[in-house]
């Protein structure tokens, strides 16, 4: 920290650091940061303090902010200025010491000035809670369950029937009503003794199973036949309204959809496909890609949840959860800003108070904190810590995204003490990649899903790129 100075004492040259710092481990996931500041270095903070005070204290014969330090010192003494220097300078020295020693603090420090309160060199101690380091077991044998990415025959048949049904024809059914049928009904609906507009009509067309009015209507109409008359009550959709709805219904017609034959002629006239086989193949291709993308995301989420559950709740402290809440809110605010919205606007749109929003974030922050500890521990145990090359790649990616030189971004992050966090994020990402690769993945029936079934098929662009690479 700072520059080295040298002073000659007799025949001995004594080298003095303007600022020295050290760290001692304490019990309970705490450390003590000890900082020693030379007289020469702290004098700079005193000068700055007197300059601030000169703007606050009015002295005859001097313009605001122009009174010399010696005059101020003679007028008000040095005690007040020294207190101002402590208040403004010590947090900076503390932050530099934490950065230099890469102390992973998770809470504000308790600072105690142990020497130099009145004069001379200054020494202070800062006790602060740090992120606990844990050991974790069981992560080598993780097993998670996700939805299968396969498209089965029943789904293909259902898609085919939906397509054909959109081009089908309503015909009279020779059976009782089933879900999907269209019923023609005379309907009268009464609420509080008055007819309900829109739900009192003759020849009303209703698709059974749509639940577009009230659920009770579908329950009553199932298996109905022409000529049936029904009277029943149903709950009013508004929960604040106690009075029920009363329905009187007469079924006049029950019709089903007759599906057309998917001949080549029909397919060519009503779709982009030459035949039904092409339609089925296209559906499988599209749905498989979507399912695989969803399965890849779900696998990663499931693995993260599983490894987080390996960590005991006992490791969670209030400062650790508070830090997780703070990080999540900052991340959300940044994402909102990228979308052109302020977080406050988003909270208002959801109808929450700020306190309700924060408590909602806090509800799952403990799980996030446990996952964070687990991934850090696994990265350390498996040698997956961020390398210098990976940090450089991260800076280059940030450079491309922000349109600024990578060296400038790295310098700015270093000055802000953010490089340690960025290294940790890369290490955690590598640890999660490692776990995802090793985890056993099964579907809801317990069948294992092989890793190759969770790989997206190559696109034509991928094929072209591979061809170009091979030619080179």
Protein backbone atom coordinates (compact mmCIF):
# COMPACT_ATOMS: atom_id res chain seq x y z
CA UNK A 1 0.00 0.00 0.00
CA UNK A 2 1.46 3.40 -0.91
CA UNK A 3 5.09 4.25 -1.60
CA UNK A 4 8.14 3.14 0.33
CA UNK A 5 10.04 5.87 2.17
CA UNK A 6 13.50 5.63 3.74
CA UNK A 7 15.05 7.49 6.67
CA UNK A 8 18.67 7.39 7.91
CA UNK A 9 19.24 6.78 11.63
CA UNK A 10 22.96 6.96 12.33
CA UNK A 11 24.51 4.42 10.00
CA UNK A 12 21.25 2.37 9.59
CA UNK A 13 18.75 2.92 6.77
CA UNK A 14 15.23 2.12 8.08
CA UNK A 15 12.61 1.47 5.41
CA UNK A 16 9.10 2.56 6.38
CA UNK A 17 5.85 1.71 4.65
CA UNK A 18 3.31 4.55 4.73
CA UNK A 19 0.61 1.92 5.39
CA UNK A 20 1.03 -1.64 6.61
CA UNK A 21 -1.73 -4.18 7.07
CA UNK A 22 -2.12 -7.75 8.27
CA UNK A 23 -4.95 -10.21 8.87
CA UNK A 24 -5.51 -12.55 11.82
CA UNK A 25 -8.03 -15.38 11.84
CA UNK A 26 -10.57 -15.37 14.68
CA UNK A 27 -13.19 -17.89 15.77
CA UNK A 28 -16.68 -17.89 14.34
CA UNK A 29 -15.77 -17.15 10.71
CA UNK A 30 -14.28 -13.79 11.63
CA UNK A 31 -10.96 -12.12 10.96
CA UNK A 32 -9.16 -9.14 12.40
CA UNK A 33 -7.74 -6.70 9.87
CA UNK A 34 -4.93 -4.64 11.42
CA UNK A 35 -3.86 -1.45 9.65
CA UNK A 36 -0.96 0.80 10.62
CA UNK A 37 -0.70 4.27 9.06
CA UNK A 38 2.45 6.34 9.30
CA UNK A 39 2.42 9.95 10.47
CA UNK A 40 3.43 11.12 6.99
CA UNK A 41 0.60 9.23 5.33
CA UNK A 42 -2.07 10.24 7.83
CA UNK A 43 -0.96 13.84 7.46
CA UNK A 44 -2.49 13.75 3.96
CA UNK A 45 -5.84 12.80 5.51
CA UNK A 46 -5.52 15.63 8.03
CA UNK A 47 -4.85 18.11 5.23
CA UNK A 48 -7.96 16.91 3.43
CA UNK A 49 -9.95 17.21 6.66
CA UNK A 50 -8.85 20.80 7.23
CA UNK A 51 -9.79 21.66 3.63
CA UNK A 52 -13.28 20.29 4.24
CA UNK A 53 -13.53 22.20 7.52
CA UNK A 54 -12.41 25.46 5.90
CA UNK A 55 -15.61 25.37 3.86
CA UNK A 56 -17.70 24.99 7.00
CA UNK A 57 -15.95 27.43 9.39
CA UNK A 58 -16.16 31.15 8.66
CA UNK A 59 -13.18 33.20 9.82
CA UNK A 60 -12.93 37.00 9.59
CA UNK A 61 -10.65 38.14 6.79
CA UNK A 62 -10.85 34.88 4.81
CA UNK A 63 -13.17 33.82 2.06
CA UNK A 64 -15.09 30.54 2.53
CA UNK A 65 -12.76 27.62 1.99
CA UNK A 66 -9.62 29.77 1.88
CA UNK A 67 -8.56 29.83 5.54
CA UNK A 68 -5.06 28.30 5.94
CA UNK A 69 -4.67 25.13 7.98
CA UNK A 70 -2.49 26.84 10.63
CA UNK A 71 -5.15 29.46 11.22
CA UNK A 72 -7.89 26.83 11.51
CA UNK A 73 -5.74 24.69 13.77
CA UNK A 74 -5.09 27.65 16.06
CA UNK A 75 -8.78 28.55 16.08
CA UNK A 76 -10.50 25.16 16.51
CA UNK A 77 -7.65 22.83 17.40
CA UNK A 78 -6.69 19.59 15.67
CA UNK A 79 -8.99 17.20 17.57
CA UNK A 80 -12.07 17.85 15.40
CA UNK A 81 -10.05 17.61 12.18
CA UNK A 82 -8.46 14.35 13.32
CA UNK A 83 -11.93 12.90 13.97
CA UNK A 84 -13.00 13.98 10.47
CA UNK A 85 -9.88 12.35 9.03
CA UNK A 86 -10.68 9.12 10.87
CA UNK A 87 -14.26 9.14 9.59
CA UNK A 88 -13.30 9.73 5.97
CA UNK A 89 -9.94 7.97 5.75
CA UNK A 90 -10.20 4.78 7.77
CA UNK A 91 -12.90 3.17 5.58
CA UNK A 92 -10.61 3.68 2.57
CA UNK A 93 -7.60 2.13 4.32
CA UNK A 94 -9.78 -0.76 5.46
CA UNK A 95 -11.11 -1.35 1.93
CA UNK A 96 -7.59 -1.34 0.51
CA UNK A 97 -6.40 -3.84 3.14
CA UNK A 98 -9.37 -6.14 2.43
CA UNK A 99 -8.64 -5.95 -1.29
CA UNK A 100 -4.90 -6.51 -0.90
CA UNK A 101 -5.36 -9.55 1.34
CA UNK A 102 -8.40 -10.81 -0.63
CA UNK A 103 -10.53 -11.04 2.50
CA UNK A 104 -13.99 -12.34 1.54
CA UNK A 105 -16.05 -10.15 3.87
CA UNK A 106 -19.81 -10.57 4.13
CA UNK A 107 -20.72 -7.86 6.66
CA UNK A 108 -19.70 -4.36 7.74
CA UNK A 109 -16.65 -4.24 10.07
CA UNK A 110 -16.37 -3.18 13.69
CA UNK A 111 -13.47 -0.69 13.69
CA UNK A 112 -11.49 0.17 16.79
CA UNK A 113 -8.69 2.76 16.79
CA UNK A 114 -5.99 1.26 19.04
CA UNK A 115 -3.27 3.88 18.63
CA UNK A 116 -2.95 7.48 17.45
CA UNK A 117 -6.30 8.87 18.48
CA UNK A 118 -4.73 12.16 19.51
CA UNK A 119 -1.41 12.26 17.64
CA UNK A 120 1.29 10.25 15.91
CA UNK A 121 0.94 7.19 13.67
CA UNK A 122 -2.49 5.56 13.57
CA UNK A 123 -3.30 1.91 14.13
CA UNK A 124 -6.80 0.47 13.90
CA UNK A 125 -8.27 -3.00 14.04
CA UNK A 126 -11.36 -4.11 12.14
CA UNK A 127 -13.17 -7.27 13.12
CA UNK A 128 -15.35 -8.55 10.33
CA UNK A 129 -17.30 -11.68 9.44
CA UNK A 130 -16.08 -13.59 6.40
CA UNK A 131 -17.70 -16.15 4.16
CA UNK A 132 -17.37 -19.59 5.76
CA UNK A 133 -15.44 -22.30 3.97
CA UNK A 134 -17.10 -25.70 4.11
CA UNK A 135 -16.35 -29.26 3.12
CA UNK A 136 -19.02 -31.07 1.17
CA UNK A 137 -19.61 -34.72 0.30
CA UNK A 138 -22.10 -36.59 -1.85
CA UNK A 139 -21.76 -34.39 -4.90
CA UNK A 140 -20.02 -37.10 -6.93
CA UNK A 141 -23.20 -39.21 -7.02
CA UNK A 142 -25.93 -36.71 -7.76
CA UNK A 143 -29.09 -38.01 -9.43
CA UNK A 144 -31.79 -35.67 -10.72
CA UNK A 145 -35.14 -36.10 -12.42
CA UNK A 146 -36.36 -34.04 -15.39
CA UNK A 147 -39.00 -34.31 -18.08
CA UNK A 148 -37.94 -36.55 -20.95
CA UNK A 149 -36.99 -34.65 -24.11
CA UNK A 150 -38.48 -37.40 -26.28
CA UNK A 151 -41.66 -36.76 -28.27
CA UNK A 152 -43.85 -39.88 -27.92
CA UNK A 153 -46.39 -41.26 -30.35
CA UNK A 154 -49.35 -40.05 -28.29
CA UNK A 155 -48.15 -36.43 -28.54
CA UNK A 156 -47.61 -36.75 -32.29
CA UNK A 157 -51.12 -38.18 -32.70
CA UNK A 158 -52.57 -35.36 -30.60
CA UNK A 159 -50.80 -32.74 -32.74
CA UNK A 160 -52.09 -34.43 -35.88
CA UNK A 161 -55.65 -34.42 -34.54
CA UNK A 162 -55.40 -30.73 -33.59
CA UNK A 163 -54.29 -29.88 -37.11
CA UNK A 164 -56.99 -31.98 -38.72
CA UNK A 165 -59.58 -30.73 -36.23
CA UNK A 166 -58.91 -27.14 -37.28
CA UNK A 167 -60.01 -28.22 -40.75
CA UNK A 168 -62.75 -30.58 -39.58
CA UNK A 169 -66.52 -30.42 -39.95
CA UNK A 170 -69.15 -30.43 -37.21
CA UNK A 171 -71.58 -33.33 -37.52
CA UNK A 172 -74.33 -34.59 -35.21
CA UNK A 173 -72.98 -37.01 -32.62
CA UNK A 174 -74.73 -40.38 -32.25
CA UNK A 175 -73.66 -40.66 -28.60
CA UNK A 176 -73.78 -38.65 -25.34
CA UNK A 177 -71.66 -35.50 -25.15
CA UNK A 178 -67.89 -35.79 -24.61
CA UNK A 179 -65.20 -33.23 -23.98
CA UNK A 180 -64.37 -31.46 -27.23
CA UNK A 181 -67.92 -31.68 -28.57
CA UNK A 182 -69.85 -28.53 -29.48
CA UNK A 183 -73.26 -28.30 -27.82
CA UNK A 184 -76.10 -26.03 -28.83
CA UNK A 185 -78.06 -25.03 -25.75
CA UNK A 186 -80.81 -22.71 -24.58
CA UNK A 187 -79.32 -21.13 -21.47
CA UNK A 188 -80.78 -18.93 -18.75
CA UNK A 189 -78.53 -17.62 -15.99
CA UNK A 190 -79.86 -15.78 -12.96
CA UNK A 191 -77.91 -13.90 -10.28
CA UNK A 192 -79.66 -12.22 -7.35
CA UNK A 193 -82.99 -12.69 -9.15
CA UNK A 194 -81.89 -11.02 -12.38
CA UNK A 195 -80.89 -12.50 -15.76
CA UNK A 196 -77.18 -12.32 -16.49
CA UNK A 197 -76.56 -10.52 -19.82
CA UNK A 198 -74.56 -12.62 -22.27
CA UNK A 199 -75.43 -15.86 -20.46
CA UNK A 200 -79.14 -15.86 -21.24
CA UNK A 201 -79.82 -16.85 -24.84
CA UNK A 202 -81.24 -19.48 -27.19
CA UNK A 203 -79.05 -21.51 -29.57
CA UNK A 204 -75.94 -20.76 -27.51
CA UNK A 205 -72.88 -22.62 -28.85
CA UNK A 206 -70.64 -24.08 -26.15
CA UNK A 207 -67.51 -26.24 -26.48
CA UNK A 208 -67.58 -28.87 -23.78
CA UNK A 209 -64.44 -28.98 -21.66
CA UNK A 210 -63.45 -25.38 -22.32
CA UNK A 211 -64.42 -24.23 -18.79
CA UNK A 212 -65.03 -20.82 -20.36
CA UNK A 213 -67.97 -19.98 -18.07
CA UNK A 214 -67.85 -21.92 -14.79
CA UNK A 215 -66.43 -25.41 -14.09
CA UNK A 216 -69.84 -26.67 -12.94
CA UNK A 217 -71.24 -26.16 -16.45
CA UNK A 218 -68.83 -28.69 -17.94
CA UNK A 219 -69.55 -31.15 -15.12
CA UNK A 220 -73.29 -30.96 -15.74
CA UNK A 221 -73.10 -31.14 -19.55
CA UNK A 222 -70.82 -34.16 -19.77
CA UNK A 223 -72.78 -37.15 -21.17
CA UNK A 224 -75.77 -34.91 -21.99
CA UNK A 225 -77.99 -35.67 -25.00
CA UNK A 226 -80.37 -33.58 -27.10
CA UNK A 227 -83.55 -32.89 -25.12
CA UNK A 228 -81.89 -32.99 -21.69
CA UNK A 229 -82.90 -30.22 -19.30
CA UNK A 230 -80.57 -29.22 -16.46
CA UNK A 231 -81.00 -26.95 -13.44
CA UNK A 232 -78.11 -26.31 -11.07
CA UNK A 233 -76.29 -23.66 -9.07
CA UNK A 234 -72.66 -22.62 -9.35
CA UNK A 235 -70.29 -20.37 -7.43
CA UNK A 236 -70.03 -16.82 -8.70
CA UNK A 237 -66.56 -16.27 -10.26
CA UNK A 238 -65.90 -13.21 -8.07
CA UNK A 239 -64.83 -14.55 -4.62
CA UNK A 240 -66.22 -11.40 -2.97
CA UNK A 241 -69.70 -12.26 -4.19
CA UNK A 242 -71.60 -14.71 -1.98
CA UNK A 243 -74.76 -15.16 -4.08
CA UNK A 244 -74.49 -18.12 -6.51
CA UNK A 245 -75.38 -18.30 -10.19
CA UNK A 246 -78.48 -20.35 -11.12
CA UNK A 247 -78.48 -22.08 -14.50
CA UNK A 248 -81.42 -23.47 -16.46
CA UNK A 249 -80.28 -25.27 -19.61
CA UNK A 250 -81.87 -27.27 -22.40
CA UNK A 251 -79.59 -29.19 -24.74
CA UNK A 252 -80.82 -29.00 -28.35
CA UNK A 253 -77.85 -30.40 -30.27
CA UNK A 254 -74.64 -32.37 -29.61
CA UNK A 255 -72.04 -32.26 -32.38
CA UNK A 256 -68.59 -33.73 -32.76
CA UNK A 257 -65.76 -32.80 -35.11
CA UNK A 258 -65.37 -35.17 -38.01
CA UNK A 259 -61.72 -35.20 -39.01
CA UNK A 260 -60.84 -35.11 -42.70
CA UNK A 261 -58.71 -37.84 -44.22
CA UNK A 262 -55.10 -36.61 -44.40
CA UNK A 263 -54.68 -37.47 -48.07
CA UNK A 264 -51.83 -35.97 -50.07
CA UNK A 265 -54.32 -33.74 -51.86
CA UNK A 266 -55.73 -32.47 -48.54
CA UNK A 267 -52.27 -31.85 -47.08
CA UNK A 268 -51.05 -29.96 -50.13
CA UNK A 269 -54.18 -27.76 -50.12
CA UNK A 270 -54.23 -27.04 -46.39
CA UNK A 271 -50.60 -27.06 -45.27
CA UNK A 272 -46.99 -26.55 -46.34
CA UNK A 273 -46.46 -30.32 -46.42
CA UNK A 274 -46.91 -32.83 -49.21
CA UNK A 275 -48.17 -35.57 -46.91
CA UNK A 276 -48.97 -36.35 -43.28
CA UNK A 277 -45.60 -38.06 -42.79
CA UNK A 278 -43.82 -34.77 -43.50
CA UNK A 279 -46.11 -33.03 -41.01
CA UNK A 280 -45.29 -35.60 -38.32
CA UNK A 281 -41.55 -35.43 -39.02
CA UNK A 282 -41.56 -31.63 -38.86
CA UNK A 283 -43.47 -31.68 -35.57
CA UNK A 284 -41.02 -34.14 -34.03
CA UNK A 285 -38.04 -32.06 -35.18
CA UNK A 286 -39.44 -28.80 -33.83
CA UNK A 287 -40.63 -30.23 -30.54
CA UNK A 288 -37.46 -32.22 -29.97
CA UNK A 289 -35.32 -29.09 -30.27
CA UNK A 290 -37.59 -27.22 -27.86
CA UNK A 291 -37.70 -30.12 -25.42
CA UNK A 292 -33.91 -30.53 -25.44
CA UNK A 293 -33.37 -26.84 -24.77
CA UNK A 294 -35.82 -27.02 -21.87
CA UNK A 295 -34.27 -30.25 -20.59
CA UNK A 296 -30.76 -28.73 -20.65
CA UNK A 297 -31.99 -25.81 -18.56
CA UNK A 298 -33.97 -28.05 -16.21
CA UNK A 299 -31.01 -30.40 -15.75
CA UNK A 300 -28.76 -27.53 -14.70
CA UNK A 301 -31.42 -26.13 -12.35
CA UNK A 302 -32.07 -29.55 -10.83
CA UNK A 303 -28.36 -30.22 -10.28
CA UNK A 304 -27.95 -26.81 -8.63
CA UNK A 305 -30.88 -27.49 -6.30
CA UNK A 306 -29.55 -30.95 -5.46
CA UNK A 307 -26.04 -29.80 -4.59
CA UNK A 308 -27.41 -26.91 -2.51
CA UNK A 309 -29.37 -29.42 -0.44
CA UNK A 310 -26.09 -31.12 0.55
CA UNK A 311 -25.24 -28.08 2.69
CA UNK A 312 -26.58 -27.92 6.25
CA UNK A 313 -28.76 -24.96 7.23
CA UNK A 314 -26.48 -24.47 10.23
CA UNK A 315 -23.86 -22.74 8.08
CA UNK A 316 -26.29 -19.95 7.23
CA UNK A 317 -25.80 -16.75 9.18
CA UNK A 318 -27.85 -13.56 8.99
CA UNK A 319 -25.04 -11.61 7.26
CA UNK A 320 -24.64 -14.40 4.68
CA UNK A 321 -28.34 -14.36 3.82
CA UNK A 322 -28.39 -10.54 3.83
CA UNK A 323 -25.51 -10.52 1.34
CA UNK A 324 -27.34 -12.98 -0.92
CA UNK A 325 -30.45 -10.79 -0.81
CA UNK A 326 -28.39 -7.72 -1.66
CA UNK A 327 -26.64 -9.47 -4.56
CA UNK A 328 -29.92 -10.75 -5.98
CA UNK A 329 -31.56 -7.34 -5.84
CA UNK A 330 -28.54 -5.71 -7.47
CA UNK A 331 -28.55 -8.35 -10.21
CA UNK A 332 -32.28 -7.87 -10.81
CA UNK A 333 -31.88 -4.09 -10.90
CA UNK A 334 -29.13 -4.42 -13.49
CA UNK A 335 -31.24 -6.72 -15.68
CA UNK A 336 -34.22 -4.38 -15.38
CA UNK A 337 -32.02 -1.45 -16.39
CA UNK A 338 -30.82 -3.34 -19.47
CA UNK A 339 -34.49 -3.69 -20.45
CA UNK A 340 -35.04 0.03 -20.00
CA UNK A 341 -36.89 -0.24 -16.70
CA UNK A 342 -36.05 0.79 -13.15
CA UNK A 343 -36.46 -1.80 -10.40
CA UNK A 344 -38.83 0.54 -8.55
CA UNK A 345 -41.12 0.56 -11.59
CA UNK A 346 -41.09 -3.24 -11.72
CA UNK A 347 -42.00 -3.48 -8.02
CA UNK A 348 -44.91 -1.06 -8.52
CA UNK A 349 -46.14 -3.04 -11.53
CA UNK A 350 -46.29 -6.21 -9.44
CA UNK A 351 -48.43 -4.45 -6.83
CA UNK A 352 -45.91 -5.01 -4.03
CA UNK A 353 -44.42 -2.72 -1.45
CA UNK A 354 -40.62 -2.53 -1.27
CA UNK A 355 -40.72 -4.53 1.94
CA UNK A 356 -42.86 -7.27 0.37
CA UNK A 357 -40.50 -7.44 -2.59
CA UNK A 358 -37.43 -7.78 -0.35
CA UNK A 359 -39.11 -10.44 1.78
CA UNK A 360 -39.98 -12.35 -1.39
CA UNK A 361 -36.33 -12.29 -2.42
CA UNK A 362 -35.29 -13.34 1.09
CA UNK A 363 -37.59 -16.39 0.99
CA UNK A 364 -35.19 -18.26 -1.33
CA UNK A 365 -31.97 -16.41 -0.51
CA UNK A 366 -30.92 -19.09 1.98
CA UNK A 367 -30.95 -21.74 -0.75
CA UNK A 368 -28.89 -19.45 -2.96
CA UNK A 369 -26.34 -18.88 -0.19
CA UNK A 370 -25.99 -22.64 0.38
CA UNK A 371 -25.47 -23.25 -3.33
CA UNK A 372 -22.82 -20.52 -3.39
CA UNK A 373 -20.90 -22.17 -0.53
CA UNK A 374 -21.23 -25.61 -2.12
CA UNK A 375 -19.91 -24.54 -5.52
CA UNK A 376 -16.97 -22.68 -3.94
CA UNK A 377 -16.09 -25.79 -1.92
CA UNK A 378 -16.33 -28.09 -4.94
CA UNK A 379 -14.26 -25.76 -7.11
CA UNK A 380 -11.55 -25.81 -4.45
CA UNK A 381 -11.73 -29.59 -3.92
CA UNK A 382 -11.66 -30.44 -7.64
CA UNK A 383 -9.08 -27.86 -8.70
CA UNK A 384 -11.58 -25.87 -10.73
CA UNK A 385 -10.54 -22.42 -9.57
CA UNK A 386 -10.44 -19.62 -12.13
CA UNK A 387 -7.18 -19.38 -14.07
CA UNK A 388 -5.53 -16.19 -15.26
CA UNK A 389 -6.36 -17.16 -18.84
CA UNK A 390 -10.05 -17.57 -17.98
CA UNK A 391 -10.10 -14.21 -16.22
CA UNK A 392 -8.54 -12.63 -19.31
CA UNK A 393 -11.22 -14.25 -21.50
CA UNK A 394 -13.89 -12.84 -19.17
CA UNK A 395 -12.42 -9.36 -19.49
CA UNK A 396 -12.31 -9.71 -23.28
CA UNK A 397 -15.96 -10.78 -23.30
CA UNK A 398 -16.84 -7.74 -21.17
CA UNK A 399 -14.80 -5.59 -23.54
CA UNK A 400 -16.80 -6.80 -26.52
CA UNK A 401 -20.12 -6.33 -24.71
CA UNK A 402 -19.29 -2.86 -23.38
CA UNK A 403 -17.25 -1.62 -26.33
CA UNK A 404 -14.33 -0.64 -24.10
CA UNK A 405 -10.70 -1.83 -23.98
CA UNK A 406 -10.23 -4.98 -21.91
CA UNK A 407 -7.24 -3.52 -20.03
CA UNK A 408 -9.29 -0.50 -19.01
CA UNK A 409 -12.16 -2.68 -17.78
CA UNK A 410 -9.79 -4.90 -15.82
CA UNK A 411 -8.14 -1.89 -14.19
CA UNK A 412 -11.52 -0.45 -13.22
CA UNK A 413 -12.65 -3.78 -11.75
CA UNK A 414 -9.37 -4.12 -9.85
CA UNK A 415 -9.69 -0.64 -8.35
CA UNK A 416 -13.24 -1.46 -7.27
CA UNK A 417 -12.09 -4.72 -5.69
CA UNK A 418 -14.32 -6.75 -8.02
CA UNK A 419 -11.76 -9.13 -9.53
CA UNK A 420 -11.98 -11.52 -6.59
CA UNK A 421 -15.74 -11.81 -7.05
CA UNK A 422 -15.37 -12.30 -10.79
CA UNK A 423 -12.83 -15.08 -10.22
CA UNK A 424 -15.24 -16.70 -7.75
CA UNK A 425 -18.12 -16.51 -10.25
CA UNK A 426 -16.02 -18.21 -12.93
CA UNK A 427 -14.93 -20.91 -10.48
CA UNK A 428 -18.53 -21.56 -9.43
CA UNK A 429 -19.62 -21.76 -13.06
CA UNK A 430 -16.92 -24.34 -13.73
CA UNK A 431 -17.96 -26.32 -10.66
CA UNK A 432 -21.59 -26.41 -11.78
CA UNK A 433 -20.53 -27.47 -15.30
CA UNK A 434 -18.53 -30.28 -13.70
CA UNK A 435 -21.51 -31.43 -11.62
CA UNK A 436 -23.92 -31.30 -14.55
CA UNK A 437 -21.58 -33.47 -16.60
CA UNK A 438 -21.25 -36.08 -13.84
CA UNK A 439 -24.86 -36.20 -12.60
CA UNK A 440 -27.18 -39.09 -13.42
CA UNK A 441 -30.33 -37.81 -15.13
CA UNK A 442 -33.60 -39.77 -15.21
CA UNK A 443 -37.14 -39.16 -16.45
CA UNK A 444 -40.28 -39.44 -14.31
CA UNK A 445 -40.41 -43.19 -14.96
CA UNK A 446 -36.89 -43.68 -13.64
CA UNK A 447 -35.34 -44.26 -17.06
CA UNK A 448 -31.85 -42.81 -17.40
CA UNK A 449 -31.47 -40.06 -19.98
CA UNK A 450 -28.11 -40.41 -21.70
CA UNK A 451 -26.01 -37.27 -22.13
CA UNK A 452 -26.14 -37.48 -25.92
CA UNK A 453 -29.94 -37.20 -25.78
CA UNK A 454 -29.47 -33.75 -24.25
CA UNK A 455 -27.40 -32.37 -27.10
CA UNK A 456 -28.97 -30.04 -29.62
CA UNK A 457 -28.74 -31.22 -33.23
CA UNK A 458 -26.32 -29.31 -35.41
CA UNK A 459 -27.83 -26.56 -37.52
CA UNK A 460 -26.85 -26.00 -41.15
CA UNK A 461 -24.72 -23.05 -39.96
CA UNK A 462 -22.84 -25.41 -37.61
CA UNK A 463 -22.22 -27.80 -40.50
CA UNK A 464 -20.88 -24.97 -42.66
CA UNK A 465 -18.55 -23.81 -39.88
CA UNK A 466 -17.24 -27.34 -39.37
CA UNK A 467 -16.67 -27.67 -43.08
CA UNK A 468 -14.77 -24.40 -43.18
CA UNK A 469 -12.60 -25.47 -40.25
CA UNK A 470 -11.76 -28.77 -41.88
CA UNK A 471 -10.82 -27.08 -45.12
CA UNK A 472 -8.44 -24.79 -43.29
